[in-house]
Structures are given as structure tokens and as C-alpha cells.
Amino acid sequence: MKLPRRRFLQLAAGAAAVPLASRRTQANAYPTRPLRLLVGFAAGGNFDVVARIMAQWLSDYLGQPVVVENRPGASSNLATEAAVRAAADGYTLVLGGAVNAVNATLFDKLSFNFIADLAAVAGLVRFPNVMTVSQSFPAKTLPEFIAYAKANPGKLNHGSSGRGTTQHLAGELFKMMVNVDFVHVPYRGAAPALTDLLSGQVQVLFEALPASIEHIKAGTLRGLAVTTAARSPALPDVPTIGEFVAGFEASGWNGMLAPKNTPSEIVEKLNLAVNAGLTDASIKMRLADLGATTLAGSSADFARLIVDETEKWGKVIRAANVKVE
């Protein structure tokens, strides 16, 4: 029997409303069981500490345990792949970061697309790197360092905590924007890089603030500049590179993501929960102790950050011909 057009449209609208109503009911009840937050690095590092701070907040806020699950390996790609393959029901989350934006270009064959296969939930924090030299280095300021590097092309060594890290790429971006030349020396982590900076084996680092700050405060290293767009509250007297090199910005960041097709209502509920935590005084203080500043904002804001960072680091990686070994 052929239905009148008006009746057909009424039935079609009613059918379309059923899944929408179901999703809203699901989101209103969510969560009804524990969540897991995947972290692509071992316990104890900045990624893990941020994850545990936010997991405790979310546990209290949502009324269900949020369990941090460390899955280190392949520069966080193992944890990311596990999240991509998880059910899109809001019960598996992953802590992403600048490393993922880098990996999108650094690795030739990934089994996932970080932008397309995950849903941005909320930005969490941004970490500055700090450009440091030893106290015996001739340059006392960033302009002096630039002048010295230009006068001594290829004679300075730039240490980093590893090839393809944001610390390495911050140095490559600096070289490109300032038009200087120094040699990259990768290490297995920040500690050995800092040791060789102190002994003069390398002349400059763009290392993460938490690893460097005690040396700067103790006077064994000189902080020339931080890499974020704004000065760090942890080192208010240290200028930004951008104050001398217009447009320079190179920082680490963390944010929370879920598998793609996670209901938007659940993503929004998680976004509100995260942002509530980022305005909490005790949470802000704990994150500030790590040298971090909060990001907050909508899921769309975080999605735009991921796209922008992926494009930026892709250009640097291709221009500097950075390869993983």
C-alpha cells in the first residue's frame, strides 16, 4: 500500500528519532562501569603523571573507576592502535600528545590515522621545552646564541632525548627559522643528554621543562628561552624564543581521545568532566608543579590543535629529512 507523503515523512522522522533517543539515554546513564585510560609510555613520566591526575579526577566526577593502563612501545603507537581498535562506547580512552602529531609523518606505515580514527575529547595541558646551555657557554642570551651559531656554522652540537622527539624537532624548527646550522646528537632519554650538556659534550638542548628546571634553578645550566608562545610561570624571568624569533612555538601537549564513532553525547560529557577538572584549584596546582599549563576548551578546539600540530611537524620532518632508525 502506498503511504501518503505526509504519513511517510512522519514515520521516517519517528524512525530517525529512535537511535537519537537511544544515544541520549545511553549518554545520560554513562558511565555504568569502569573506564580505562591507555597511556603509551611507562609509569613515572609526564604522560603517566598527567594521566593519573586526570584519571583520579574523572573517577570522582563520573562515579566510576578510571583505570590507567600503561602500554609503552613504538613511541606510543601501541597504545594508540589499541584505542583505535577498541569499542566506540566511551569506556576506552587514550592519552594522546604531540608525539602522535609527530608520528603521523615520522612513521611511514602506521595501521591507523591519528586524526581520522580517533575522536578528540579534550585538550589537557601544554608543556614548554626550555633551551639551555651550560654556564660556561659564551652566549648569555638568545640573541648572543644566535650570533655565535651564525659565526660557527656546524660547530655546535644539539642534544635531544631521542630522534624524532619534540625536543629534537624544536631544535630543527629553530635551525630553519633562524637559518643556523648545528649537529643533532640523539640520546636515549633526557638524563644522558643533560649529563653531556653539563660536561660540554653538547652545547644546547631544547629539553622538557621538568627535566631541566632544577639545573636552571641551581645555576648549573642557563635557560636562554622557553619554546612556548607565552612565558612559563615556573620560569617567569626566562623569555620565550618567540620574543626574538617571531612565530616560533614548539611545545609538548597532552589530550584525551576516544575511538571514532564514540557517541557525540558521551564525548561531550567527558569534555565537560575534563574541563571541570582543569578549573579545579588542586588539579591546576598539581599540573603546574610539572611545569604544565592547562588547555581546556571544546572537543573541536582540541581537534583543531591536533590537525595544526600534525601539519606543522610534518613540514619540519620533511624539510629536515628526519628518519627513525
C-alpha atoms as a PDB file:
ATOM      1  CA  MET A   1       0.000   0.000   0.000  1.00  0.00           C
ATOM      2  CA  LYS A   2       1.362   3.384  -0.946  1.00  0.00           C
ATOM      3  CA  LEU A   3       1.524   5.765   2.013  1.00  0.00           C
ATOM      4  CA  PRO A   4       0.542   9.404   1.680  1.00  0.00           C
ATOM      5  CA  ARG A   5       3.664  11.611   1.580  1.00  0.00           C
ATOM      6  CA  ARG A   6       2.846  13.312   4.913  1.00  0.00           C
ATOM      7  CA  ARG A   7       2.379   9.991   6.696  1.00  0.00           C
ATOM      8  CA  PHE A   8       5.594   8.622   5.162  1.00  0.00           C
ATOM      9  CA  LEU A   9       7.599  11.618   6.413  1.00  0.00           C
ATOM     10  CA  GLN A  10       6.075  11.264   9.886  1.00  0.00           C
ATOM     11  CA  LEU A  11       7.098   7.614  10.079  1.00  0.00           C
ATOM     12  CA  ALA A  12      10.574   8.337   8.714  1.00  0.00           C
ATOM     13  CA  ALA A  13      11.105  11.099  11.264  1.00  0.00           C
ATOM     14  CA  GLY A  14       9.974   8.800  14.046  1.00  0.00           C
ATOM     15  CA  ALA A  15      12.365   6.065  12.944  1.00  0.00           C
ATOM     16  CA  ALA A  16      15.274   8.514  12.810  1.00  0.00           C
ATOM     17  CA  ALA A  17      14.482   9.722  16.298  1.00  0.00           C
ATOM     18  CA  VAL A  18      14.793   6.241  17.821  1.00  0.00           C
ATOM     19  CA  PRO A  19      18.610   5.945  17.555  1.00  0.00           C
ATOM     20  CA  LEU A  20      18.974   9.560  18.664  1.00  0.00           C
ATOM     21  CA  ALA A  21      16.815   8.914  21.715  1.00  0.00           C
ATOM     22  CA  SER A  22      18.761   5.721  22.388  1.00  0.00           C
ATOM     23  CA  ARG A  23      22.058   7.587  22.236  1.00  0.00           C
ATOM     24  CA  ARG A  24      20.786  10.250  24.605  1.00  0.00           C
ATOM     25  CA  THR A  25      19.588   7.611  27.063  1.00  0.00           C
ATOM     26  CA  GLN A  26      22.958   5.869  26.818  1.00  0.00           C
ATOM     27  CA  ALA A  27      24.803   9.145  27.418  1.00  0.00           C
ATOM     28  CA  ASN A  28      22.602  10.053  30.383  1.00  0.00           C
ATOM     29  CA  ALA A  29      23.329   6.694  32.035  1.00  0.00           C
ATOM     30  CA  TYR A  30      27.036   6.719  31.102  1.00  0.00           C
ATOM     31  CA  PRO A  31      29.204   5.523  32.689  1.00  0.00           C
ATOM     32  CA  THR A  32      27.818   2.379  34.283  1.00  0.00           C
ATOM     33  CA  ARG A  33      31.129   0.521  34.619  1.00  0.00           C
ATOM     34  CA  PRO A  34      34.878   1.265  34.913  1.00  0.00           C
ATOM     35  CA  LEU A  35      36.742   3.109  32.165  1.00  0.00           C
ATOM     36  CA  ARG A  36      40.313   2.523  31.062  1.00  0.00           C
ATOM     37  CA  LEU A  37      42.745   5.241  30.014  1.00  0.00           C
ATOM     38  CA  LEU A  38      45.552   3.953  27.793  1.00  0.00           C
ATOM     39  CA  VAL A  39      48.983   5.584  28.094  1.00  0.00           C
ATOM     40  CA  GLY A  40      51.695   4.902  25.551  1.00  0.00           C
ATOM     41  CA  PHE A  41      54.616   5.322  27.938  1.00  0.00           C
ATOM     42  CA  ALA A  42      55.890   3.667  31.093  1.00  0.00           C
ATOM     43  CA  ALA A  43      54.830   4.715  34.568  1.00  0.00           C
ATOM     44  CA  GLY A  44      56.553   7.714  36.119  1.00  0.00           C
ATOM     45  CA  GLY A  45      56.955  10.039  33.136  1.00  0.00           C
ATOM     46  CA  ASN A  46      54.973  13.183  32.369  1.00  0.00           C
ATOM     47  CA  PHE A  47      52.414  11.303  30.258  1.00  0.00           C
ATOM     48  CA  ASP A  48      51.736   8.854  33.060  1.00  0.00           C
ATOM     49  CA  VAL A  49      51.587  11.500  35.802  1.00  0.00           C
ATOM     50  CA  VAL A  50      49.110  13.635  33.842  1.00  0.00           C
ATOM     51  CA  ALA A  51      47.014  10.544  33.117  1.00  0.00           C
ATOM     52  CA  ARG A  52      46.846   9.556  36.784  1.00  0.00           C
ATOM     53  CA  ILE A  53      45.960  13.057  37.953  1.00  0.00           C
ATOM     54  CA  MET A  54      43.091  13.252  35.476  1.00  0.00           C
ATOM     55  CA  ALA A  55      42.018   9.637  35.999  1.00  0.00           C
ATOM     56  CA  GLN A  56      41.514  10.269  39.717  1.00  0.00           C
ATOM     57  CA  TRP A  57      39.502  13.404  38.982  1.00  0.00           C
ATOM     58  CA  LEU A  58      37.322  11.635  36.434  1.00  0.00           C
ATOM     59  CA  SER A  59      36.761   8.704  38.802  1.00  0.00           C
ATOM     60  CA  ASP A  60      35.401  11.055  41.435  1.00  0.00           C
ATOM     61  CA  TYR A  61      33.448  13.187  38.945  1.00  0.00           C
ATOM     62  CA  LEU A  62      31.864  10.353  36.957  1.00  0.00           C
ATOM     63  CA  GLY A  63      31.331   7.951  39.843  1.00  0.00           C
ATOM     64  CA  GLN A  64      33.157   5.067  38.156  1.00  0.00           C
ATOM     65  CA  PRO A  65      36.820   3.987  38.386  1.00  0.00           C
ATOM     66  CA  VAL A  66      39.085   5.236  35.593  1.00  0.00           C
ATOM     67  CA  VAL A  67      41.995   2.827  35.402  1.00  0.00           C
ATOM     68  CA  VAL A  68      45.292   3.926  33.829  1.00  0.00           C
ATOM     69  CA  GLU A  69      46.728   1.191  31.624  1.00  0.00           C
ATOM     70  CA  ASN A  70      50.344   1.691  30.538  1.00  0.00           C
ATOM     71  CA  ARG A  71      51.156   0.244  27.114  1.00  0.00           C
ATOM     72  CA  PRO A  72      54.627   1.538  26.288  1.00  0.00           C
ATOM     73  CA  GLY A  73      56.282   0.862  22.968  1.00  0.00           C
ATOM     74  CA  ALA A  74      56.795   2.174  19.442  1.00  0.00           C
ATOM     75  CA  SER A  75      56.736   5.805  20.542  1.00  0.00           C
ATOM     76  CA  SER A  76      53.165   5.446  21.906  1.00  0.00           C
ATOM     77  CA  ASN A  77      51.857   3.793  18.716  1.00  0.00           C
ATOM     78  CA  LEU A  78      50.939   0.542  20.512  1.00  0.00           C
ATOM     79  CA  ALA A  79      48.582   2.301  22.905  1.00  0.00           C
ATOM     80  CA  THR A  80      47.099   4.395  20.111  1.00  0.00           C
ATOM     81  CA  GLU A  81      46.433   1.326  17.961  1.00  0.00           C
ATOM     82  CA  ALA A  82      44.733  -0.409  20.900  1.00  0.00           C
ATOM     83  CA  ALA A  83      42.443   2.592  21.333  1.00  0.00           C
ATOM     84  CA  VAL A  84      41.620   2.708  17.625  1.00  0.00           C
ATOM     85  CA  ARG A  85      40.562  -0.957  17.734  1.00  0.00           C
ATOM     86  CA  ALA A  86      38.508  -0.635  20.934  1.00  0.00           C
ATOM     87  CA  ALA A  87      34.731  -0.438  21.043  1.00  0.00           C
ATOM     88  CA  ALA A  88      33.420   3.080  20.454  1.00  0.00           C
ATOM     89  CA  ASP A  89      31.379   3.127  23.644  1.00  0.00           C
ATOM     90  CA  GLY A  90      33.245   5.642  25.799  1.00  0.00           C
ATOM     91  CA  TYR A  91      34.843   3.029  28.037  1.00  0.00           C
ATOM     92  CA  THR A  92      38.276   3.116  26.379  1.00  0.00           C
ATOM     93  CA  LEU A  93      40.177   6.394  26.199  1.00  0.00           C
ATOM     94  CA  VAL A  94      43.746   7.178  25.259  1.00  0.00           C
ATOM     95  CA  LEU A  95      46.069   9.973  26.315  1.00  0.00           C
ATOM     96  CA  GLY A  96      47.464  11.496  23.140  1.00  0.00           C
ATOM     97  CA  GLY A  97      50.082  14.143  22.688  1.00  0.00           C
ATOM     98  CA  ALA A  98      52.482  15.975  20.425  1.00  0.00           C
ATOM     99  CA  VAL A  99      54.269  12.665  19.884  1.00  0.00           C
ATOM    100  CA  ASN A 100      51.231  11.438  17.934  1.00  0.00           C
ATOM    101  CA  ALA A 101      51.224  14.519  15.715  1.00  0.00           C
ATOM    102  CA  VAL A 102      54.905  13.827  15.012  1.00  0.00           C
ATOM    103  CA  ASN A 103      54.423  10.096  14.434  1.00  0.00           C
ATOM    104  CA  ALA A 104      51.871  10.745  11.688  1.00  0.00           C
ATOM    105  CA  THR A 105      54.728  11.816   9.408  1.00  0.00           C
ATOM    106  CA  LEU A 106      57.720  10.210  11.108  1.00  0.00           C
ATOM    107  CA  PHE A 107      56.474   6.638  10.621  1.00  0.00           C
ATOM    108  CA  ASP A 108      55.888   5.535   7.041  1.00  0.00           C
ATOM    109  CA  LYS A 109      53.483   2.688   7.745  1.00  0.00           C
ATOM    110  CA  LEU A 110      51.058   3.092  10.609  1.00  0.00           C
ATOM    111  CA  SER A 111      47.975   0.893  10.843  1.00  0.00           C
ATOM    112  CA  PHE A 112      45.843   3.881  11.794  1.00  0.00           C
ATOM    113  CA  ASN A 113      45.296   7.545  11.076  1.00  0.00           C
ATOM    114  CA  PHE A 114      45.546   9.506  14.311  1.00  0.00           C
ATOM    115  CA  ILE A 115      43.211  12.253  13.068  1.00  0.00           C
ATOM    116  CA  ALA A 116      40.614  10.125  11.274  1.00  0.00           C
ATOM    117  CA  ASP A 117      40.469   7.077  13.548  1.00  0.00           C
ATOM    118  CA  LEU A 118      40.080   8.801  16.916  1.00  0.00           C
ATOM    119  CA  ALA A 119      37.631  11.344  18.306  1.00  0.00           C
ATOM    120  CA  ALA A 120      39.137  14.324  20.112  1.00  0.00           C
ATOM    121  CA  VAL A 121      37.648  14.624  23.600  1.00  0.00           C
ATOM    122  CA  ALA A 122      39.546  17.414  25.356  1.00  0.00           C
ATOM    123  CA  GLY A 123      42.915  19.101  25.476  1.00  0.00           C
ATOM    124  CA  LEU A 124      44.584  18.815  28.855  1.00  0.00           C
ATOM    125  CA  VAL A 125      47.962  20.510  29.193  1.00  0.00           C
ATOM    126  CA  ARG A 126      50.801  22.112  27.312  1.00  0.00           C
ATOM    127  CA  PHE A 127      54.443  21.593  28.336  1.00  0.00           C
ATOM    128  CA  PRO A 128      57.196  24.045  27.440  1.00  0.00           C
ATOM    129  CA  ASN A 129      60.623  22.902  26.426  1.00  0.00           C
ATOM    130  CA  VAL A 130      63.446  25.131  27.555  1.00  0.00           C
ATOM    131  CA  MET A 131      66.515  25.997  25.511  1.00  0.00           C
ATOM    132  CA  THR A 132      69.518  25.552  27.773  1.00  0.00           C
ATOM    133  CA  VAL A 133      73.283  25.899  27.593  1.00  0.00           C
ATOM    134  CA  SER A 134      75.980  25.329  30.192  1.00  0.00           C
ATOM    135  CA  GLN A 135      77.086  28.216  32.394  1.00  0.00           C
ATOM    136  CA  SER A 136      80.460  28.182  30.643  1.00  0.00           C
ATOM    137  CA  PHE A 137      78.961  28.668  27.174  1.00  0.00           C
ATOM    138  CA  PRO A 138      79.968  32.055  25.687  1.00  0.00           C
ATOM    139  CA  ALA A 139      76.408  33.193  24.898  1.00  0.00           C
ATOM    140  CA  LYS A 140      74.439  34.590  27.835  1.00  0.00           C
ATOM    141  CA  THR A 141      71.237  35.458  25.931  1.00  0.00           C
ATOM    142  CA  LEU A 142      69.316  34.058  22.987  1.00  0.00           C
ATOM    143  CA  PRO A 143      70.426  36.853  20.588  1.00  0.00           C
ATOM    144  CA  GLU A 144      74.025  36.152  21.620  1.00  0.00           C
ATOM    145  CA  PHE A 145      73.499  32.435  20.982  1.00  0.00           C
ATOM    146  CA  ILE A 146      72.108  33.124  17.511  1.00  0.00           C
ATOM    147  CA  ALA A 147      75.075  35.366  16.692  1.00  0.00           C
ATOM    148  CA  TYR A 148      77.513  32.727  17.988  1.00  0.00           C
ATOM    149  CA  ALA A 149      75.825  29.936  15.994  1.00  0.00           C
ATOM    150  CA  LYS A 150      75.901  32.008  12.808  1.00  0.00           C
ATOM    151  CA  ALA A 151      79.605  32.695  13.349  1.00  0.00           C
ATOM    152  CA  ASN A 152      80.327  28.988  13.972  1.00  0.00           C
ATOM    153  CA  PRO A 153      78.224  27.002  11.489  1.00  0.00           C
ATOM    154  CA  GLY A 154      78.261  23.256  12.051  1.00  0.00           C
ATOM    155  CA  LYS A 155      80.463  23.513  15.140  1.00  0.00           C
ATOM    156  CA  LEU A 156      77.733  23.242  17.797  1.00  0.00           C
ATOM    157  CA  ASN A 157      76.070  20.007  18.901  1.00  0.00           C
ATOM    158  CA  HIS A 158      72.363  19.935  19.712  1.00  0.00           C
ATOM    159  CA  GLY A 159      71.480  17.120  22.081  1.00  0.00           C
ATOM    160  CA  SER A 160      67.989  15.664  22.479  1.00  0.00           C
ATOM    161  CA  SER A 161      66.197  12.891  24.335  1.00  0.00           C
ATOM    162  CA  GLY A 162      65.779  10.979  21.077  1.00  0.00           C
ATOM    163  CA  ARG A 163      65.442  11.207  17.316  1.00  0.00           C
ATOM    164  CA  GLY A 164      62.007  12.412  16.280  1.00  0.00           C
ATOM    165  CA  THR A 165      61.039  13.705  19.732  1.00  0.00           C
ATOM    166  CA  THR A 166      59.554  17.158  20.122  1.00  0.00           C
ATOM    167  CA  GLN A 167      62.853  18.152  21.763  1.00  0.00           C
ATOM    168  CA  HIS A 168      64.728  17.144  18.618  1.00  0.00           C
ATOM    169  CA  LEU A 169      62.206  18.799  16.315  1.00  0.00           C
ATOM    170  CA  ALA A 170      62.181  22.017  18.354  1.00  0.00           C
ATOM    171  CA  GLY A 171      65.865  22.323  17.511  1.00  0.00           C
ATOM    172  CA  GLU A 172      65.208  21.574  13.834  1.00  0.00           C
ATOM    173  CA  LEU A 173      62.453  24.203  13.734  1.00  0.00           C
ATOM    174  CA  PHE A 174      64.798  26.702  15.395  1.00  0.00           C
ATOM    175  CA  LYS A 175      67.507  25.984  12.804  1.00  0.00           C
ATOM    176  CA  MET A 176      65.033  26.507   9.970  1.00  0.00           C
ATOM    177  CA  MET A 177      63.559  29.738  11.301  1.00  0.00           C
ATOM    178  CA  VAL A 178      66.870  31.321  12.369  1.00  0.00           C
ATOM    179  CA  ASN A 179      68.955  29.923   9.493  1.00  0.00           C
ATOM    180  CA  VAL A 180      71.708  28.441  11.632  1.00  0.00           C
ATOM    181  CA  ASP A 181      73.403  25.068  11.445  1.00  0.00           C
ATOM    182  CA  PHE A 182      74.236  22.715  14.301  1.00  0.00           C
ATOM    183  CA  VAL A 183      74.580  18.958  14.576  1.00  0.00           C
ATOM    184  CA  HIS A 184      71.896  16.818  16.203  1.00  0.00           C
ATOM    185  CA  VAL A 185      73.066  14.235  18.745  1.00  0.00           C
ATOM    186  CA  PRO A 186      70.239  11.927  19.912  1.00  0.00           C
ATOM    187  CA  TYR A 187      70.281  10.254  23.332  1.00  0.00           C
ATOM    188  CA  ARG A 188      68.120   7.615  24.980  1.00  0.00           C
ATOM    189  CA  GLY A 189      66.251   9.992  27.236  1.00  0.00           C
ATOM    190  CA  ALA A 190      66.724  13.376  28.867  1.00  0.00           C
ATOM    191  CA  ALA A 191      69.101  12.312  31.657  1.00  0.00           C
ATOM    192  CA  PRO A 192      72.105  11.366  29.494  1.00  0.00           C
ATOM    193  CA  ALA A 193      71.541  14.393  27.266  1.00  0.00           C
ATOM    194  CA  LEU A 194      71.606  16.691  30.293  1.00  0.00           C
ATOM    195  CA  THR A 195      74.728  14.942  31.616  1.00  0.00           C
ATOM    196  CA  ASP A 196      76.580  15.616  28.377  1.00  0.00           C
ATOM    197  CA  LEU A 197      75.348  19.211  28.280  1.00  0.00           C
ATOM    198  CA  LEU A 198      76.754  19.742  31.761  1.00  0.00           C
ATOM    199  CA  SER A 199      80.094  18.227  30.700  1.00  0.00           C
ATOM    200  CA  GLY A 200      80.256  20.180  27.435  1.00  0.00           C
ATOM    201  CA  GLN A 201      79.865  17.235  25.032  1.00  0.00           C
ATOM    202  CA  VAL A 202      76.857  19.005  23.541  1.00  0.00           C
ATOM    203  CA  GLN A 203      76.278  22.745  23.613  1.00  0.00           C
ATOM    204  CA  VAL A 204      72.494  23.200  23.571  1.00  0.00           C
ATOM    205  CA  LEU A 205      69.307  21.340  24.483  1.00  0.00           C
ATOM    206  CA  PHE A 206      65.618  22.055  23.887  1.00  0.00           C
ATOM    207  CA  GLU A 207      64.589  19.717  26.682  1.00  0.00           C
ATOM    208  CA  ALA A 208      61.311  19.418  28.587  1.00  0.00           C
ATOM    209  CA  LEU A 209      60.987  21.871  31.457  1.00  0.00           C
ATOM    210  CA  PRO A 210      60.588  19.292  34.288  1.00  0.00           C
ATOM    211  CA  ALA A 211      63.900  17.664  33.372  1.00  0.00           C
ATOM    212  CA  SER A 212      65.773  20.975  33.174  1.00  0.00           C
ATOM    213  CA  ILE A 213      64.288  23.274  35.772  1.00  0.00           C
ATOM    214  CA  GLU A 214      66.263  22.120  38.817  1.00  0.00           C
ATOM    215  CA  HIS A 215      69.550  22.558  36.933  1.00  0.00           C
ATOM    216  CA  ILE A 216      68.475  26.066  35.917  1.00  0.00           C
ATOM    217  CA  LYS A 217      67.444  26.998  39.454  1.00  0.00           C
ATOM    218  CA  ALA A 218      70.698  25.542  40.825  1.00  0.00           C
ATOM    219  CA  GLY A 219      72.693  27.646  38.374  1.00  0.00           C
ATOM    220  CA  THR A 220      74.425  24.707  36.677  1.00  0.00           C
ATOM    221  CA  LEU A 221      72.604  25.399  33.411  1.00  0.00           C
ATOM    222  CA  ARG A 222      71.475  28.651  31.823  1.00  0.00           C
ATOM    223  CA  GLY A 223      67.940  28.839  30.474  1.00  0.00           C
ATOM    224  CA  LEU A 224      68.070  31.021  27.363  1.00  0.00           C
ATOM    225  CA  ALA A 225      64.395  30.782  26.426  1.00  0.00           C
ATOM    226  CA  VAL A 226      61.271  28.636  26.625  1.00  0.00           C
ATOM    227  CA  THR A 227      59.652  27.270  23.491  1.00  0.00           C
ATOM    228  CA  THR A 228      56.006  28.085  24.217  1.00  0.00           C
ATOM    229  CA  ALA A 229      54.241  31.172  22.891  1.00  0.00           C
ATOM    230  CA  ALA A 230      53.930  32.574  26.432  1.00  0.00           C
ATOM    231  CA  ARG A 231      56.448  32.606  29.245  1.00  0.00           C
ATOM    232  CA  SER A 232      56.285  29.773  31.736  1.00  0.00           C
ATOM    233  CA  PRO A 233      55.018  30.646  35.230  1.00  0.00           C
ATOM    234  CA  ALA A 234      57.683  28.237  36.508  1.00  0.00           C
ATOM    235  CA  LEU A 235      60.434  30.402  34.936  1.00  0.00           C
ATOM    236  CA  PRO A 236      58.895  33.857  34.643  1.00  0.00           C
ATOM    237  CA  ASP A 237      62.230  35.610  34.039  1.00  0.00           C
ATOM    238  CA  VAL A 238      63.161  33.397  31.106  1.00  0.00           C
ATOM    239  CA  PRO A 239      61.926  34.859  27.785  1.00  0.00           C
ATOM    240  CA  THR A 240      60.240  32.920  25.005  1.00  0.00           C
ATOM    241  CA  ILE A 241      62.062  32.154  21.785  1.00  0.00           C
ATOM    242  CA  GLY A 242      59.172  33.918  20.057  1.00  0.00           C
ATOM    243  CA  GLU A 243      60.198  37.207  21.677  1.00  0.00           C
ATOM    244  CA  PHE A 244      63.241  37.155  19.383  1.00  0.00           C
ATOM    245  CA  VAL A 245      62.138  34.775  16.591  1.00  0.00           C
ATOM    246  CA  ALA A 246      58.652  35.820  15.509  1.00  0.00           C
ATOM    247  CA  GLY A 247      56.169  32.971  15.292  1.00  0.00           C
ATOM    248  CA  PHE A 248      58.295  30.315  16.967  1.00  0.00           C
ATOM    249  CA  GLU A 249      56.361  27.819  19.108  1.00  0.00           C
ATOM    250  CA  ALA A 250      57.286  24.224  19.890  1.00  0.00           C
ATOM    251  CA  SER A 251      55.790  22.571  22.912  1.00  0.00           C
ATOM    252  CA  GLY A 252      54.594  19.246  24.157  1.00  0.00           C
ATOM    253  CA  TRP A 253      50.913  18.761  24.923  1.00  0.00           C
ATOM    254  CA  ASN A 254      48.507  16.111  26.126  1.00  0.00           C
ATOM    255  CA  GLY A 255      44.850  15.496  25.479  1.00  0.00           C
ATOM    256  CA  MET A 256      42.241  12.787  25.759  1.00  0.00           C
ATOM    257  CA  LEU A 257      40.785  10.894  22.802  1.00  0.00           C
ATOM    258  CA  ALA A 258      38.285   8.091  22.205  1.00  0.00           C
ATOM    259  CA  PRO A 259      37.720   5.678  19.319  1.00  0.00           C
ATOM    260  CA  LYS A 260      35.987   7.268  16.334  1.00  0.00           C
ATOM    261  CA  ASN A 261      32.208   6.891  16.272  1.00  0.00           C
ATOM    262  CA  THR A 262      32.017   7.245  20.040  1.00  0.00           C
ATOM    263  CA  PRO A 263      28.599   8.903  20.529  1.00  0.00           C
ATOM    264  CA  SER A 264      28.940  12.675  20.490  1.00  0.00           C
ATOM    265  CA  GLU A 265      26.845  12.900  23.653  1.00  0.00           C
ATOM    266  CA  ILE A 266      29.415  10.793  25.514  1.00  0.00           C
ATOM    267  CA  VAL A 267      32.308  12.820  24.068  1.00  0.00           C
ATOM    268  CA  GLU A 268      30.591  15.986  25.288  1.00  0.00           C
ATOM    269  CA  LYS A 269      30.015  14.517  28.746  1.00  0.00           C
ATOM    270  CA  LEU A 270      33.695  13.584  29.011  1.00  0.00           C
ATOM    271  CA  ASN A 271      34.740  17.005  27.728  1.00  0.00           C
ATOM    272  CA  LEU A 272      32.693  18.723  30.432  1.00  0.00           C
ATOM    273  CA  ALA A 273      34.183  16.424  33.076  1.00  0.00           C
ATOM    274  CA  VAL A 274      37.757  17.104  31.949  1.00  0.00           C
ATOM    275  CA  ASN A 275      37.232  20.866  31.780  1.00  0.00           C
ATOM    276  CA  ALA A 276      35.744  20.847  35.270  1.00  0.00           C
ATOM    277  CA  GLY A 277      38.950  19.197  36.474  1.00  0.00           C
ATOM    278  CA  LEU A 278      41.152  21.699  34.707  1.00  0.00           C
ATOM    279  CA  THR A 279      39.477  24.554  36.590  1.00  0.00           C
ATOM    280  CA  ASP A 280      39.862  22.825  39.961  1.00  0.00           C
ATOM    281  CA  ALA A 281      42.488  24.629  42.055  1.00  0.00           C
ATOM    282  CA  SER A 282      44.172  21.490  43.384  1.00  0.00           C
ATOM    283  CA  ILE A 283      44.375  19.906  39.923  1.00  0.00           C
ATOM    284  CA  LYS A 284      45.796  23.110  38.436  1.00  0.00           C
ATOM    285  CA  MET A 285      48.417  23.235  41.190  1.00  0.00           C
ATOM    286  CA  ARG A 286      49.477  19.632  40.633  1.00  0.00           C
ATOM    287  CA  LEU A 287      49.793  20.202  36.897  1.00  0.00           C
ATOM    288  CA  ALA A 288      51.689  23.457  37.459  1.00  0.00           C
ATOM    289  CA  ASP A 289      54.181  21.518  39.579  1.00  0.00           C
ATOM    290  CA  LEU A 290      55.007  19.602  36.386  1.00  0.00           C
ATOM    291  CA  GLY A 291      55.617  22.881  34.553  1.00  0.00           C
ATOM    292  CA  ALA A 292      52.376  22.481  32.603  1.00  0.00           C
ATOM    293  CA  THR A 293      49.672  24.980  31.732  1.00  0.00           C
ATOM    294  CA  THR A 294      46.103  23.864  31.108  1.00  0.00           C
ATOM    295  CA  LEU A 295      44.496  23.821  27.662  1.00  0.00           C
ATOM    296  CA  ALA A 296      40.775  23.142  28.267  1.00  0.00           C
ATOM    297  CA  GLY A 297      38.270  24.123  25.555  1.00  0.00           C
ATOM    298  CA  SER A 298      35.836  22.168  23.417  1.00  0.00           C
ATOM    299  CA  SER A 299      36.455  18.871  21.657  1.00  0.00           C
ATOM    300  CA  ALA A 300      36.502  20.847  18.392  1.00  0.00           C
ATOM    301  CA  ASP A 301      39.251  23.096  19.801  1.00  0.00           C
ATOM    302  CA  PHE A 302      41.341  20.040  20.581  1.00  0.00           C
ATOM    303  CA  ALA A 303      40.673  18.527  17.153  1.00  0.00           C
ATOM    304  CA  ARG A 304      41.935  21.724  15.501  1.00  0.00           C
ATOM    305  CA  LEU A 305      45.076  21.655  17.654  1.00  0.00           C
ATOM    306  CA  ILE A 306      45.807  18.082  16.532  1.00  0.00           C
ATOM    307  CA  VAL A 307      45.407  18.981  12.849  1.00  0.00           C
ATOM    308  CA  ASP A 308      47.538  22.119  13.158  1.00  0.00           C
ATOM    309  CA  GLU A 309      50.309  20.322  15.063  1.00  0.00           C
ATOM    310  CA  THR A 310      50.339  17.407  12.626  1.00  0.00           C
ATOM    311  CA  GLU A 311      50.733  19.782   9.692  1.00  0.00           C
ATOM    312  CA  LYS A 312      53.438  21.835  11.427  1.00  0.00           C
ATOM    313  CA  TRP A 313      55.623  18.916  12.459  1.00  0.00           C
ATOM    314  CA  GLY A 314      55.079  17.186   9.139  1.00  0.00           C
ATOM    315  CA  LYS A 315      56.656  20.172   7.380  1.00  0.00           C
ATOM    316  CA  VAL A 316      59.624  20.195   9.780  1.00  0.00           C
ATOM    317  CA  ILE A 317      60.206  16.435   9.473  1.00  0.00           C
ATOM    318  CA  ARG A 318      60.130  16.539   5.675  1.00  0.00           C
ATOM    319  CA  ALA A 319      62.327  19.647   5.439  1.00  0.00           C
ATOM    320  CA  ALA A 320      64.924  18.265   7.850  1.00  0.00           C
ATOM    321  CA  ASN A 321      64.621  14.742   6.367  1.00  0.00           C
ATOM    322  CA  VAL A 322      64.198  13.223   9.825  1.00  0.00           C
ATOM    323  CA  LYS A 323      64.040   9.406   9.812  1.00  0.00           C
ATOM    324  CA  VAL A 324      63.501   6.879  12.580  1.00  0.00           C
ATOM    325  CA  GLU A 325      66.137   4.184  12.907  1.00  0.00           C
END
